[in-house]
Each structure stands twice: as C-alpha cells, then as structure tokens.
Amino acid sequence: MNRRAFWVAPASSAGLAAVVYGPFGFGRDFGVFIITLLFVLPALVVLALAFGLWSLLERRPRWSAVARSLFIGALAPALLIPPLWAFGDPIRDSARYAVWSTVHRRELAVARGRDGVFKHWDGWGMAGNDNDSYLASDLTDTLDRPGKAARWAKDRRLGCDIVGVRRMERGIYLLTTANCPL
C-alpha cells in the first residue's frame, strides 16, 4: 500500500476544519449562519456517518485507521458549530484581535497616540436591527468604567449610543453600537 494515501486523512481533516471554522472566526454574517445551518452542518453529519460506517466495515486495519481519522475530522466540526455560534463572540473577537494586532502594528501604534475610533471591526444584524463594532483608542484607559463610554462618545461627537465596551488591551477597546454606524 502507498504511504502517501495515509496523508489523506490528516490533510482532509485540516482542510475541512479550515473551511468550516474560517467563517466563524471572522464574522457574524447571517448569510454564513444560514448556509452553515442548511448545508455545511448536514453535510458534516452525513460525512461523519459515512466515515464512521466505513471504519466499522473496513477489514484492513490501515484503511480502517484512515476512516476513523476522517470520521473524527468530520464529527469534531459538526459538534463544535452549535456551541461556537452560541458562545463564540468573546473568543472570536479576542482571537481575531490577537491576529490583527500582530499584523497591523503600525496602525495600532498610530491609533494609540490619539483618542477616538480608528477601525470598523465588524457588523451584523438585519432588517433595522444592525450592530456595528469598532476599535477605539482611549488615552486614559478608562472607557470600560460605568458611564464613561457615553461621556466619551458625546465628547467626540460620535452621535451614536455605545451599547457595549470590551477592553482588548491597554488603551484599546472594542465598542459596539446599535442601529447607528459611525
């Protein structure tokens, strides 16, 4: 048997994970949610069942191991999708910021030198119930204190109510607005 055939299982699992987890790590788009719910999740369940059945019926130990690996590769994303959608926001933004901040060091250094919103981060919602989030710099590093965000937005004449504030790192915050893009 060709040894190259045994790279199929790990490569397929890695490719499947990248395709499935990619959209979840970088947005909250309703279209991605619908496509995932109607197509990706059922396809993963069918693949997991098919690979599980193959692993049970295969008599050759090496190919049975490949089938088990593919089964786990399809089952893991299928089991992780619902909790990711339900509880993934804090993880998603933190992981995305960690990557973004290392790639955009110059932009971040410039932003730290002045107060204000410096990057549209994400947008989600539909039919008049839209939310937007922005990265903002606060030189005093107090934006997450009660009542401070509203005063900060008013002082900068942003014209929107800030409904959520999350500290990403010293002086950098993620601000969320409702029905009011800046």
N, C-alpha and C. Protein backbone atom coordinates (compact mmCIF):
# COMPACT_ATOMS: atom_id res chain seq x y z
N MET A 1 0.83 -1.18 0.00
CA MET A 1 0.00 0.00 0.00
C MET A 1 0.88 1.24 0.00
N ASN A 2 0.42 2.27 -0.66
CA ASN A 2 1.14 3.52 -0.80
C ASN A 2 1.03 4.33 0.50
N ARG A 3 2.18 4.75 1.02
CA ARG A 3 2.17 5.52 2.27
C ARG A 3 1.52 6.89 2.09
N ARG A 4 1.57 7.40 0.86
CA ARG A 4 1.00 8.71 0.59
C ARG A 4 -0.50 8.73 0.88
N ALA A 5 -1.15 7.60 0.73
CA ALA A 5 -2.60 7.53 0.96
C ALA A 5 -2.95 7.86 2.41
N PHE A 6 -2.02 7.65 3.33
CA PHE A 6 -2.31 7.91 4.73
C PHE A 6 -2.20 9.39 5.11
N TRP A 7 -1.70 10.21 4.18
CA TRP A 7 -1.72 11.65 4.39
C TRP A 7 -3.08 12.23 4.07
N VAL A 8 -3.92 11.45 3.42
CA VAL A 8 -5.25 11.92 3.04
C VAL A 8 -6.07 12.27 4.28
N ALA A 9 -6.03 11.44 5.28
CA ALA A 9 -6.86 11.65 6.46
C ALA A 9 -6.51 12.95 7.20
N PRO A 10 -5.25 13.14 7.60
CA PRO A 10 -4.95 14.39 8.30
C PRO A 10 -5.13 15.63 7.41
N ALA A 11 -4.77 15.53 6.15
CA ALA A 11 -4.93 16.67 5.24
C ALA A 11 -6.41 17.00 5.04
N SER A 12 -7.23 15.97 4.90
CA SER A 12 -8.67 16.20 4.74
C SER A 12 -9.26 16.81 5.99
N SER A 13 -8.85 16.33 7.14
CA SER A 13 -9.36 16.89 8.40
C SER A 13 -8.96 18.35 8.56
N ALA A 14 -7.71 18.66 8.23
CA ALA A 14 -7.24 20.04 8.34
C ALA A 14 -7.98 20.95 7.35
N GLY A 15 -8.15 20.48 6.13
CA GLY A 15 -8.87 21.26 5.12
C GLY A 15 -10.32 21.48 5.52
N LEU A 16 -10.96 20.44 6.01
CA LEU A 16 -12.35 20.54 6.45
C LEU A 16 -12.48 21.53 7.61
N ALA A 17 -11.56 21.47 8.54
CA ALA A 17 -11.59 22.39 9.68
C ALA A 17 -11.42 23.84 9.22
N ALA A 18 -10.51 24.08 8.27
CA ALA A 18 -10.29 25.43 7.77
C ALA A 18 -11.53 25.97 7.08
N VAL A 19 -12.19 25.13 6.27
CA VAL A 19 -13.38 25.57 5.56
C VAL A 19 -14.53 25.84 6.53
N VAL A 20 -14.68 25.00 7.53
CA VAL A 20 -15.80 25.14 8.45
C VAL A 20 -15.55 26.23 9.48
N TYR A 21 -14.36 26.28 10.06
CA TYR A 21 -14.10 27.24 11.13
C TYR A 21 -13.77 28.63 10.61
N GLY A 22 -13.30 28.74 9.39
CA GLY A 22 -12.92 30.04 8.82
C GLY A 22 -13.99 31.10 8.94
N PRO A 23 -15.20 30.86 8.43
CA PRO A 23 -16.24 31.90 8.53
C PRO A 23 -16.61 32.26 9.96
N PHE A 24 -16.47 31.33 10.90
CA PHE A 24 -16.86 31.62 12.28
C PHE A 24 -15.85 32.51 12.97
N GLY A 25 -14.60 32.42 12.56
CA GLY A 25 -13.58 33.21 13.22
C GLY A 25 -13.56 34.67 12.81
N PHE A 26 -14.21 35.03 11.71
CA PHE A 26 -14.05 36.37 11.19
C PHE A 26 -15.33 37.11 10.91
N GLY A 27 -16.43 36.71 11.49
CA GLY A 27 -17.64 37.48 11.29
C GLY A 27 -18.87 36.83 11.89
N ARG A 28 -19.93 37.61 11.88
CA ARG A 28 -21.21 37.15 12.42
C ARG A 28 -22.28 37.25 11.35
N ASP A 29 -21.90 37.07 10.12
CA ASP A 29 -22.79 37.28 8.99
C ASP A 29 -23.96 36.30 9.02
N PHE A 30 -25.16 36.82 8.81
CA PHE A 30 -26.36 35.99 8.84
C PHE A 30 -26.36 35.00 7.67
N GLY A 31 -25.84 35.40 6.52
CA GLY A 31 -25.76 34.51 5.37
C GLY A 31 -24.89 33.29 5.66
N VAL A 32 -23.78 33.50 6.34
CA VAL A 32 -22.91 32.38 6.72
C VAL A 32 -23.65 31.46 7.68
N PHE A 33 -24.41 32.04 8.60
CA PHE A 33 -25.19 31.24 9.54
C PHE A 33 -26.19 30.35 8.80
N ILE A 34 -26.93 30.93 7.85
CA ILE A 34 -27.95 30.17 7.11
C ILE A 34 -27.30 29.08 6.26
N ILE A 35 -26.23 29.42 5.55
CA ILE A 35 -25.54 28.42 4.73
C ILE A 35 -25.01 27.29 5.60
N THR A 36 -24.46 27.65 6.75
CA THR A 36 -23.94 26.63 7.66
C THR A 36 -25.06 25.74 8.17
N LEU A 37 -26.14 26.35 8.57
CA LEU A 37 -27.27 25.60 9.12
C LEU A 37 -27.91 24.68 8.09
N LEU A 38 -28.06 25.17 6.86
CA LEU A 38 -28.77 24.40 5.84
C LEU A 38 -27.88 23.45 5.06
N PHE A 39 -26.59 23.76 4.90
CA PHE A 39 -25.75 22.95 4.03
C PHE A 39 -24.55 22.33 4.73
N VAL A 40 -23.75 23.16 5.40
CA VAL A 40 -22.48 22.67 5.96
C VAL A 40 -22.71 21.70 7.11
N LEU A 41 -23.55 22.05 8.06
CA LEU A 41 -23.79 21.17 9.20
C LEU A 41 -24.39 19.83 8.78
N PRO A 42 -25.43 19.80 7.92
CA PRO A 42 -25.93 18.50 7.46
C PRO A 42 -24.88 17.70 6.68
N ALA A 43 -24.08 18.39 5.87
CA ALA A 43 -23.04 17.69 5.11
C ALA A 43 -22.01 17.07 6.04
N LEU A 44 -21.63 17.77 7.10
CA LEU A 44 -20.68 17.22 8.06
C LEU A 44 -21.25 16.01 8.78
N VAL A 45 -22.52 16.06 9.12
CA VAL A 45 -23.16 14.92 9.79
C VAL A 45 -23.19 13.71 8.85
N VAL A 46 -23.54 13.93 7.59
CA VAL A 46 -23.58 12.83 6.61
C VAL A 46 -22.17 12.27 6.41
N LEU A 47 -21.17 13.14 6.28
CA LEU A 47 -19.79 12.67 6.13
C LEU A 47 -19.34 11.88 7.36
N ALA A 48 -19.66 12.39 8.54
CA ALA A 48 -19.27 11.68 9.76
C ALA A 48 -19.92 10.31 9.82
N LEU A 49 -21.20 10.22 9.46
CA LEU A 49 -21.87 8.91 9.45
C LEU A 49 -21.26 7.98 8.42
N ALA A 50 -20.96 8.50 7.23
CA ALA A 50 -20.37 7.67 6.18
C ALA A 50 -18.98 7.17 6.58
N PHE A 51 -18.14 8.07 7.11
CA PHE A 51 -16.80 7.65 7.52
C PHE A 51 -16.86 6.72 8.73
N GLY A 52 -17.81 6.95 9.63
CA GLY A 52 -17.97 6.04 10.77
C GLY A 52 -18.39 4.66 10.33
N LEU A 53 -19.32 4.58 9.40
CA LEU A 53 -19.74 3.29 8.86
C LEU A 53 -18.60 2.60 8.13
N TRP A 54 -17.84 3.38 7.36
CA TRP A 54 -16.69 2.81 6.64
C TRP A 54 -15.67 2.25 7.63
N SER A 55 -15.42 2.97 8.72
CA SER A 55 -14.44 2.49 9.69
C SER A 55 -14.89 1.21 10.37
N LEU A 56 -16.21 1.03 10.52
CA LEU A 56 -16.72 -0.19 11.13
C LEU A 56 -16.67 -1.37 10.16
N LEU A 57 -16.92 -1.11 8.89
CA LEU A 57 -17.00 -2.18 7.90
C LEU A 57 -15.66 -2.55 7.28
N GLU A 58 -14.69 -1.67 7.33
CA GLU A 58 -13.39 -1.91 6.70
C GLU A 58 -12.63 -2.98 7.47
N ARG A 59 -12.16 -3.99 6.73
CA ARG A 59 -11.45 -5.10 7.37
C ARG A 59 -9.94 -4.88 7.41
N ARG A 60 -9.41 -4.04 6.54
CA ARG A 60 -7.97 -3.77 6.53
C ARG A 60 -7.67 -2.73 7.60
N PRO A 61 -6.80 -3.05 8.55
CA PRO A 61 -6.55 -2.17 9.70
C PRO A 61 -6.07 -0.77 9.31
N ARG A 62 -5.19 -0.69 8.30
CA ARG A 62 -4.67 0.62 7.91
C ARG A 62 -5.77 1.52 7.36
N TRP A 63 -6.62 0.98 6.50
CA TRP A 63 -7.69 1.78 5.93
C TRP A 63 -8.77 2.07 6.97
N SER A 64 -8.92 1.18 7.91
CA SER A 64 -9.86 1.44 9.00
C SER A 64 -9.38 2.63 9.84
N ALA A 65 -8.07 2.73 10.03
CA ALA A 65 -7.49 3.86 10.76
C ALA A 65 -7.72 5.17 10.00
N VAL A 66 -7.57 5.12 8.68
CA VAL A 66 -7.83 6.31 7.85
C VAL A 66 -9.29 6.71 7.98
N ALA A 67 -10.18 5.75 7.92
CA ALA A 67 -11.62 6.03 8.02
C ALA A 67 -11.95 6.62 9.39
N ARG A 68 -11.36 6.11 10.45
CA ARG A 68 -11.59 6.65 11.79
C ARG A 68 -11.10 8.09 11.90
N SER A 69 -9.95 8.36 11.29
CA SER A 69 -9.41 9.71 11.31
C SER A 69 -10.33 10.68 10.57
N LEU A 70 -10.84 10.27 9.42
CA LEU A 70 -11.77 11.11 8.67
C LEU A 70 -13.10 11.27 9.42
N PHE A 71 -13.53 10.22 10.10
CA PHE A 71 -14.75 10.30 10.92
C PHE A 71 -14.60 11.37 12.00
N ILE A 72 -13.48 11.35 12.71
CA ILE A 72 -13.24 12.34 13.76
C ILE A 72 -13.10 13.74 13.15
N GLY A 73 -12.45 13.81 11.98
CA GLY A 73 -12.29 15.08 11.30
C GLY A 73 -13.60 15.70 10.88
N ALA A 74 -14.61 14.90 10.55
CA ALA A 74 -15.93 15.43 10.18
C ALA A 74 -16.82 15.63 11.40
N LEU A 75 -16.66 14.78 12.40
CA LEU A 75 -17.52 14.86 13.58
C LEU A 75 -17.17 16.06 14.48
N ALA A 76 -15.88 16.33 14.64
CA ALA A 76 -15.47 17.42 15.54
C ALA A 76 -16.07 18.77 15.13
N PRO A 77 -15.96 19.18 13.85
CA PRO A 77 -16.59 20.46 13.49
C PRO A 77 -18.11 20.43 13.65
N ALA A 78 -18.73 19.29 13.33
CA ALA A 78 -20.19 19.20 13.46
C ALA A 78 -20.63 19.39 14.91
N LEU A 79 -19.83 18.90 15.85
CA LEU A 79 -20.17 19.06 17.26
C LEU A 79 -19.80 20.44 17.81
N LEU A 80 -18.83 21.10 17.19
CA LEU A 80 -18.39 22.40 17.70
C LEU A 80 -19.14 23.59 17.11
N ILE A 81 -19.82 23.41 15.98
CA ILE A 81 -20.51 24.53 15.35
C ILE A 81 -21.58 25.14 16.26
N PRO A 82 -22.51 24.36 16.83
CA PRO A 82 -23.55 25.00 17.67
C PRO A 82 -23.00 25.75 18.88
N PRO A 83 -22.08 25.20 19.66
CA PRO A 83 -21.56 25.99 20.78
C PRO A 83 -20.78 27.22 20.32
N LEU A 84 -20.12 27.12 19.17
CA LEU A 84 -19.38 28.26 18.64
C LEU A 84 -20.33 29.41 18.32
N TRP A 85 -21.46 29.09 17.71
CA TRP A 85 -22.44 30.13 17.41
C TRP A 85 -23.06 30.69 18.68
N ALA A 86 -23.30 29.84 19.67
CA ALA A 86 -23.97 30.28 20.88
C ALA A 86 -23.04 31.07 21.82
N PHE A 87 -21.79 30.64 21.94
CA PHE A 87 -20.91 31.22 22.96
C PHE A 87 -19.60 31.75 22.40
N GLY A 88 -19.49 31.89 21.09
CA GLY A 88 -18.20 32.19 20.47
C GLY A 88 -17.80 33.65 20.39
N ASP A 89 -18.69 34.59 20.68
CA ASP A 89 -18.35 36.01 20.49
C ASP A 89 -17.11 36.47 21.25
N PRO A 90 -17.00 36.25 22.53
CA PRO A 90 -15.78 36.71 23.22
C PRO A 90 -14.52 36.03 22.70
N ILE A 91 -14.61 34.77 22.37
CA ILE A 91 -13.46 34.04 21.85
C ILE A 91 -13.12 34.57 20.46
N ARG A 92 -14.13 34.77 19.64
CA ARG A 92 -13.94 35.22 18.26
C ARG A 92 -13.24 36.57 18.21
N ASP A 93 -13.75 37.54 18.96
CA ASP A 93 -13.15 38.87 18.93
C ASP A 93 -11.74 38.88 19.50
N SER A 94 -11.51 38.17 20.57
CA SER A 94 -10.18 38.12 21.18
C SER A 94 -9.17 37.47 20.25
N ALA A 95 -9.54 36.35 19.65
CA ALA A 95 -8.63 35.65 18.73
C ALA A 95 -8.38 36.50 17.49
N ARG A 96 -9.42 37.10 16.95
CA ARG A 96 -9.27 37.93 15.77
C ARG A 96 -8.39 39.15 16.06
N TYR A 97 -8.58 39.76 17.24
CA TYR A 97 -7.76 40.91 17.61
C TYR A 97 -6.30 40.51 17.80
N ALA A 98 -6.05 39.36 18.38
CA ALA A 98 -4.67 38.91 18.58
C ALA A 98 -3.95 38.80 17.24
N VAL A 99 -4.63 38.27 16.24
CA VAL A 99 -4.02 38.15 14.91
C VAL A 99 -3.88 39.53 14.27
N TRP A 100 -4.95 40.32 14.31
CA TRP A 100 -4.94 41.63 13.67
C TRP A 100 -3.86 42.54 14.26
N SER A 101 -3.73 42.54 15.58
CA SER A 101 -2.78 43.45 16.23
C SER A 101 -1.33 43.11 15.89
N THR A 102 -1.03 41.85 15.67
CA THR A 102 0.35 41.49 15.30
C THR A 102 0.64 41.85 13.85
N VAL A 103 -0.36 41.80 13.00
CA VAL A 103 -0.17 42.11 11.58
C VAL A 103 -0.17 43.62 11.33
N HIS A 104 -0.94 44.38 12.10
CA HIS A 104 -1.10 45.82 11.89
C HIS A 104 -0.47 46.64 13.02
N ARG A 105 0.76 46.38 13.33
CA ARG A 105 1.43 47.06 14.44
C ARG A 105 1.55 48.57 14.23
N ARG A 106 1.84 48.98 13.00
CA ARG A 106 2.00 50.42 12.74
C ARG A 106 0.67 51.16 12.93
N GLU A 107 -0.40 50.61 12.38
CA GLU A 107 -1.71 51.23 12.53
C GLU A 107 -2.11 51.32 14.00
N LEU A 108 -1.79 50.30 14.75
CA LEU A 108 -2.09 50.29 16.18
C LEU A 108 -1.25 51.31 16.93
N ALA A 109 0.01 51.45 16.56
CA ALA A 109 0.88 52.44 17.21
C ALA A 109 0.39 53.86 16.95
N VAL A 110 -0.06 54.14 15.74
CA VAL A 110 -0.60 55.47 15.42
C VAL A 110 -1.88 55.71 16.20
N ALA A 111 -2.74 54.70 16.28
CA ALA A 111 -4.02 54.84 16.99
C ALA A 111 -3.81 55.08 18.47
N ARG A 112 -2.79 54.49 19.05
CA ARG A 112 -2.54 54.68 20.49
C ARG A 112 -2.17 56.12 20.83
N GLY A 113 -1.72 56.87 19.85
CA GLY A 113 -1.32 58.24 20.09
C GLY A 113 -2.45 59.25 20.11
N ARG A 114 -3.66 58.83 19.77
CA ARG A 114 -4.80 59.77 19.75
C ARG A 114 -6.07 59.07 20.21
N ASP A 115 -6.93 59.84 20.81
CA ASP A 115 -8.23 59.33 21.24
C ASP A 115 -9.17 59.23 20.05
N GLY A 116 -9.98 58.19 20.02
CA GLY A 116 -11.02 58.10 19.01
C GLY A 116 -11.14 56.74 18.37
N VAL A 117 -12.16 56.62 17.55
CA VAL A 117 -12.41 55.39 16.81
C VAL A 117 -11.43 55.34 15.65
N PHE A 118 -10.79 54.20 15.44
CA PHE A 118 -9.84 54.13 14.34
C PHE A 118 -10.07 52.97 13.38
N LYS A 119 -10.99 52.05 13.67
CA LYS A 119 -11.21 50.94 12.74
C LYS A 119 -12.60 50.36 12.91
N HIS A 120 -13.31 50.20 11.78
CA HIS A 120 -14.57 49.45 11.81
C HIS A 120 -14.19 47.98 11.95
N TRP A 121 -14.71 47.33 12.98
CA TRP A 121 -14.28 45.98 13.29
C TRP A 121 -15.22 44.93 12.70
N ASP A 122 -16.51 45.10 12.89
CA ASP A 122 -17.46 44.08 12.45
C ASP A 122 -18.85 44.69 12.37
N GLY A 123 -19.71 44.08 11.61
CA GLY A 123 -21.10 44.49 11.53
C GLY A 123 -21.97 43.26 11.37
N TRP A 124 -23.12 43.26 12.02
CA TRP A 124 -24.02 42.11 11.92
C TRP A 124 -25.44 42.56 12.20
N GLY A 125 -26.35 41.73 11.85
CA GLY A 125 -27.77 42.03 12.05
C GLY A 125 -28.47 42.18 10.72
N MET A 126 -29.78 42.46 10.77
CA MET A 126 -30.56 42.63 9.55
C MET A 126 -31.88 43.31 9.87
N ALA A 127 -32.49 43.85 8.87
CA ALA A 127 -33.85 44.42 8.95
C ALA A 127 -34.00 45.47 10.04
N GLY A 128 -33.08 46.43 10.07
CA GLY A 128 -33.18 47.51 11.03
C GLY A 128 -32.71 47.19 12.43
N ASN A 129 -32.13 46.05 12.62
CA ASN A 129 -31.59 45.67 13.92
C ASN A 129 -30.11 45.36 13.75
N ASP A 130 -29.40 46.36 13.22
CA ASP A 130 -27.98 46.17 12.91
C ASP A 130 -27.10 46.61 14.06
N ASN A 131 -26.00 45.91 14.21
CA ASN A 131 -24.98 46.27 15.18
C ASN A 131 -23.67 46.45 14.44
N ASP A 132 -22.87 47.37 14.91
CA ASP A 132 -21.53 47.57 14.38
C ASP A 132 -20.57 47.65 15.54
N SER A 133 -19.37 47.16 15.33
CA SER A 133 -18.35 47.29 16.37
C SER A 133 -17.11 47.94 15.77
N TYR A 134 -16.42 48.69 16.61
CA TYR A 134 -15.28 49.50 16.19
C TYR A 134 -14.16 49.36 17.20
N LEU A 135 -12.94 49.45 16.72
CA LEU A 135 -11.81 49.56 17.62
C LEU A 135 -11.60 51.04 17.91
N ALA A 136 -11.37 51.34 19.17
CA ALA A 136 -11.18 52.72 19.59
C ALA A 136 -10.02 52.80 20.57
N SER A 137 -9.37 53.95 20.54
CA SER A 137 -8.26 54.20 21.45
C SER A 137 -8.71 55.20 22.51
N ASP A 138 -8.37 54.92 23.75
CA ASP A 138 -8.67 55.83 24.86
C ASP A 138 -7.38 56.04 25.65
N LEU A 139 -6.85 57.24 25.57
CA LEU A 139 -5.57 57.53 26.21
C LEU A 139 -5.61 57.38 27.72
N THR A 140 -6.80 57.60 28.31
CA THR A 140 -6.91 57.47 29.77
C THR A 140 -7.14 56.02 30.21
N ASP A 141 -7.44 55.14 29.27
CA ASP A 141 -7.66 53.71 29.54
C ASP A 141 -8.75 53.50 30.61
N THR A 142 -9.86 54.23 30.47
CA THR A 142 -10.96 54.11 31.43
C THR A 142 -12.31 53.90 30.74
N LEU A 143 -12.30 53.57 29.49
CA LEU A 143 -13.54 53.51 28.71
C LEU A 143 -14.51 52.43 29.19
N ASP A 144 -14.00 51.42 29.86
CA ASP A 144 -14.89 50.34 30.31
C ASP A 144 -15.51 50.61 31.68
N ARG A 145 -15.28 51.76 32.25
CA ARG A 145 -15.91 52.11 33.53
C ARG A 145 -17.35 52.53 33.29
N PRO A 146 -18.23 52.30 34.26
CA PRO A 146 -19.65 52.64 34.08
C PRO A 146 -19.86 54.12 33.76
N GLY A 147 -20.63 54.38 32.71
CA GLY A 147 -20.97 55.74 32.30
C GLY A 147 -19.89 56.45 31.49
N LYS A 148 -18.70 55.94 31.49
CA LYS A 148 -17.59 56.59 30.79
C LYS A 148 -17.76 56.54 29.28
N ALA A 149 -18.26 55.45 28.73
CA ALA A 149 -18.39 55.30 27.28
C ALA A 149 -19.35 56.33 26.70
N ALA A 150 -20.45 56.58 27.39
CA ALA A 150 -21.43 57.56 26.90
C ALA A 150 -20.83 58.96 26.89
N ARG A 151 -20.11 59.33 27.96
CA ARG A 151 -19.46 60.65 28.00
C ARG A 151 -18.37 60.75 26.94
N TRP A 152 -17.60 59.68 26.77
CA TRP A 152 -16.52 59.65 25.79
C TRP A 152 -17.09 59.84 24.38
N ALA A 153 -18.17 59.16 24.05
CA ALA A 153 -18.80 59.28 22.73
C ALA A 153 -19.35 60.69 22.52
N LYS A 154 -19.94 61.26 23.56
CA LYS A 154 -20.50 62.62 23.46
C LYS A 154 -19.40 63.65 23.26
N ASP A 155 -18.29 63.50 23.99
CA ASP A 155 -17.15 64.43 23.86
C ASP A 155 -16.55 64.39 22.46
N ARG A 156 -16.62 63.26 21.80
CA ARG A 156 -16.06 63.11 20.46
C ARG A 156 -17.10 63.28 19.35
N ARG A 157 -18.31 63.66 19.76
CA ARG A 157 -19.42 63.91 18.84
C ARG A 157 -19.65 62.73 17.89
N LEU A 158 -19.70 61.53 18.45
CA LEU A 158 -19.91 60.34 17.62
C LEU A 158 -21.35 60.21 17.15
N GLY A 159 -22.31 60.70 17.92
CA GLY A 159 -23.70 60.68 17.52
C GLY A 159 -24.37 59.32 17.65
N CYS A 160 -23.76 58.39 18.31
CA CYS A 160 -24.34 57.05 18.50
C CYS A 160 -24.24 56.65 19.96
N ASP A 161 -25.21 55.87 20.39
CA ASP A 161 -25.12 55.28 21.72
C ASP A 161 -24.22 54.06 21.65
N ILE A 162 -23.36 53.95 22.61
CA ILE A 162 -22.48 52.78 22.70
C ILE A 162 -23.16 51.77 23.62
N VAL A 163 -23.46 50.60 23.07
CA VAL A 163 -24.20 49.59 23.83
C VAL A 163 -23.29 48.51 24.41
N GLY A 164 -22.04 48.50 23.99
CA GLY A 164 -21.12 47.50 24.52
C GLY A 164 -19.68 48.00 24.45
N VAL A 165 -18.91 47.70 25.48
CA VAL A 165 -17.49 48.06 25.53
C VAL A 165 -16.72 46.86 26.02
N ARG A 166 -15.68 46.52 25.31
CA ARG A 166 -14.81 45.42 25.73
C ARG A 166 -13.36 45.87 25.60
N ARG A 167 -12.61 45.74 26.67
CA ARG A 167 -11.19 46.12 26.66
C ARG A 167 -10.41 45.01 25.97
N MET A 168 -9.67 45.38 24.91
CA MET A 168 -8.88 44.40 24.17
C MET A 168 -7.45 44.34 24.72
N GLU A 169 -6.92 45.50 25.05
CA GLU A 169 -5.61 45.63 25.68
C GLU A 169 -5.52 47.05 26.23
N ARG A 170 -4.40 47.38 26.84
CA ARG A 170 -4.26 48.70 27.47
C ARG A 170 -4.54 49.81 26.45
N GLY A 171 -5.59 50.60 26.72
CA GLY A 171 -5.93 51.75 25.90
C GLY A 171 -6.70 51.45 24.63
N ILE A 172 -6.94 50.19 24.31
CA ILE A 172 -7.66 49.81 23.09
C ILE A 172 -8.94 49.07 23.49
N TYR A 173 -10.06 49.54 22.92
CA TYR A 173 -11.36 48.99 23.27
C TYR A 173 -12.14 48.62 22.03
N LEU A 174 -13.04 47.68 22.20
CA LEU A 174 -13.98 47.31 21.16
C LEU A 174 -15.34 47.89 21.56
N LEU A 175 -15.83 48.84 20.76
CA LEU A 175 -17.11 49.50 21.04
C LEU A 175 -18.18 48.94 20.12
N THR A 176 -19.37 48.73 20.65
CA THR A 176 -20.49 48.23 19.86
C THR A 176 -21.62 49.26 19.88
N THR A 177 -22.15 49.55 18.69
CA THR A 177 -23.30 50.45 18.56
C THR A 177 -24.48 49.67 18.01
N ALA A 178 -25.68 50.17 18.25
CA ALA A 178 -26.88 49.53 17.73
C ALA A 178 -27.60 50.49 16.80
N ASN A 179 -27.86 50.03 15.57
CA ASN A 179 -28.58 50.80 14.56
C ASN A 179 -27.96 52.18 14.32
N CYS A 180 -26.67 52.27 14.37
CA CYS A 180 -26.02 53.58 14.19
C CYS A 180 -24.58 53.39 13.75
N PRO A 181 -24.33 53.21 12.46
CA PRO A 181 -22.95 53.11 12.02
C PRO A 181 -22.24 54.46 12.12
N LEU A 182 -21.01 54.44 12.55
CA LEU A 182 -20.23 55.68 12.70
C LEU A 182 -19.63 56.09 11.37
